[in-house]
Structures are given as structure tokens and as C-alpha cells.
């Protein structure tokens, strides 16, 4: 059985990008935080 593809809003993507650019957390930490 196939899972539905997750879709992320532009606002969500922007939030994650800005957090990654601040470099306070690693990419893996951000992924865990946002369940990516």
C-alpha cells in the first residue's frame, strides 16, 4: 500500500530554511524537530 506524498507549505519551507541558515542546529536536528 502506497503512502501519500507529504506536501509542505511555502511558509513552512521558509521557516525551516531560515532556521538552517542561523546554524544554531545541525540539519539532522532540524529534520527531527520538524519530522522530516
C-alpha atoms as a PDB file:
ATOM      1  CA  UNK A   1       0.000   0.000   0.000  1.00  0.00           C
ATOM      2  CA  UNK A   2       1.428   3.355  -1.057  1.00  0.00           C
ATOM      3  CA  UNK A   3       1.763   6.251   1.343  1.00  0.00           C
ATOM      4  CA  UNK A   4       0.566   9.688   0.301  1.00  0.00           C
ATOM      5  CA  UNK A   5       3.272  12.159  -0.577  1.00  0.00           C
ATOM      6  CA  UNK A   6       3.692  14.857   2.044  1.00  0.00           C
ATOM      7  CA  UNK A   7       3.341  18.438   0.884  1.00  0.00           C
ATOM      8  CA  UNK A   8       4.887  21.345   2.713  1.00  0.00           C
ATOM      9  CA  UNK A   9       3.632  24.913   2.507  1.00  0.00           C
ATOM     10  CA  UNK A  10       5.873  27.726   1.358  1.00  0.00           C
ATOM     11  CA  UNK A  11       5.710  29.265   4.827  1.00  0.00           C
ATOM     12  CA  UNK A  12       6.885  26.015   6.420  1.00  0.00           C
ATOM     13  CA  UNK A  13       9.773  25.708   3.952  1.00  0.00           C
ATOM     14  CA  UNK A  14      10.818  29.302   4.608  1.00  0.00           C
ATOM     15  CA  UNK A  15      10.759  28.720   8.365  1.00  0.00           C
ATOM     16  CA  UNK A  16      12.997  25.645   8.064  1.00  0.00           C
ATOM     17  CA  UNK A  17      15.398  27.399   5.674  1.00  0.00           C
ATOM     18  CA  UNK A  18      15.769  30.409   7.961  1.00  0.00           C
ATOM     19  CA  UNK A  19      16.439  28.135  10.921  1.00  0.00           C
ATOM     20  CA  UNK A  20      19.088  26.229   8.972  1.00  0.00           C
ATOM     21  CA  UNK A  21      20.812  29.452   7.922  1.00  0.00           C
ATOM     22  CA  UNK A  22      21.066  30.592  11.537  1.00  0.00           C
ATOM     23  CA  UNK A  23      23.267  27.485  12.087  1.00  0.00           C
ATOM     24  CA  UNK A  24      22.194  27.057  15.692  1.00  0.00           C
ATOM     25  CA  UNK A  25      21.184  23.464  14.978  1.00  0.00           C
ATOM     26  CA  UNK A  26      22.501  20.848  12.588  1.00  0.00           C
ATOM     27  CA  UNK A  27      20.458  19.691   9.612  1.00  0.00           C
ATOM     28  CA  UNK A  28      19.706  16.385  11.329  1.00  0.00           C
ATOM     29  CA  UNK A  29      18.456  18.180  14.446  1.00  0.00           C
ATOM     30  CA  UNK A  30      16.177  20.372  12.324  1.00  0.00           C
ATOM     31  CA  UNK A  31      14.849  17.323  10.495  1.00  0.00           C
ATOM     32  CA  UNK A  32      13.985  15.633  13.780  1.00  0.00           C
ATOM     33  CA  UNK A  33      12.386  18.787  15.147  1.00  0.00           C
ATOM     34  CA  UNK A  34      10.149  19.209  12.100  1.00  0.00           C
ATOM     35  CA  UNK A  35       9.645  15.458  11.496  1.00  0.00           C
ATOM     36  CA  UNK A  36      11.192  15.482   8.027  1.00  0.00           C
END
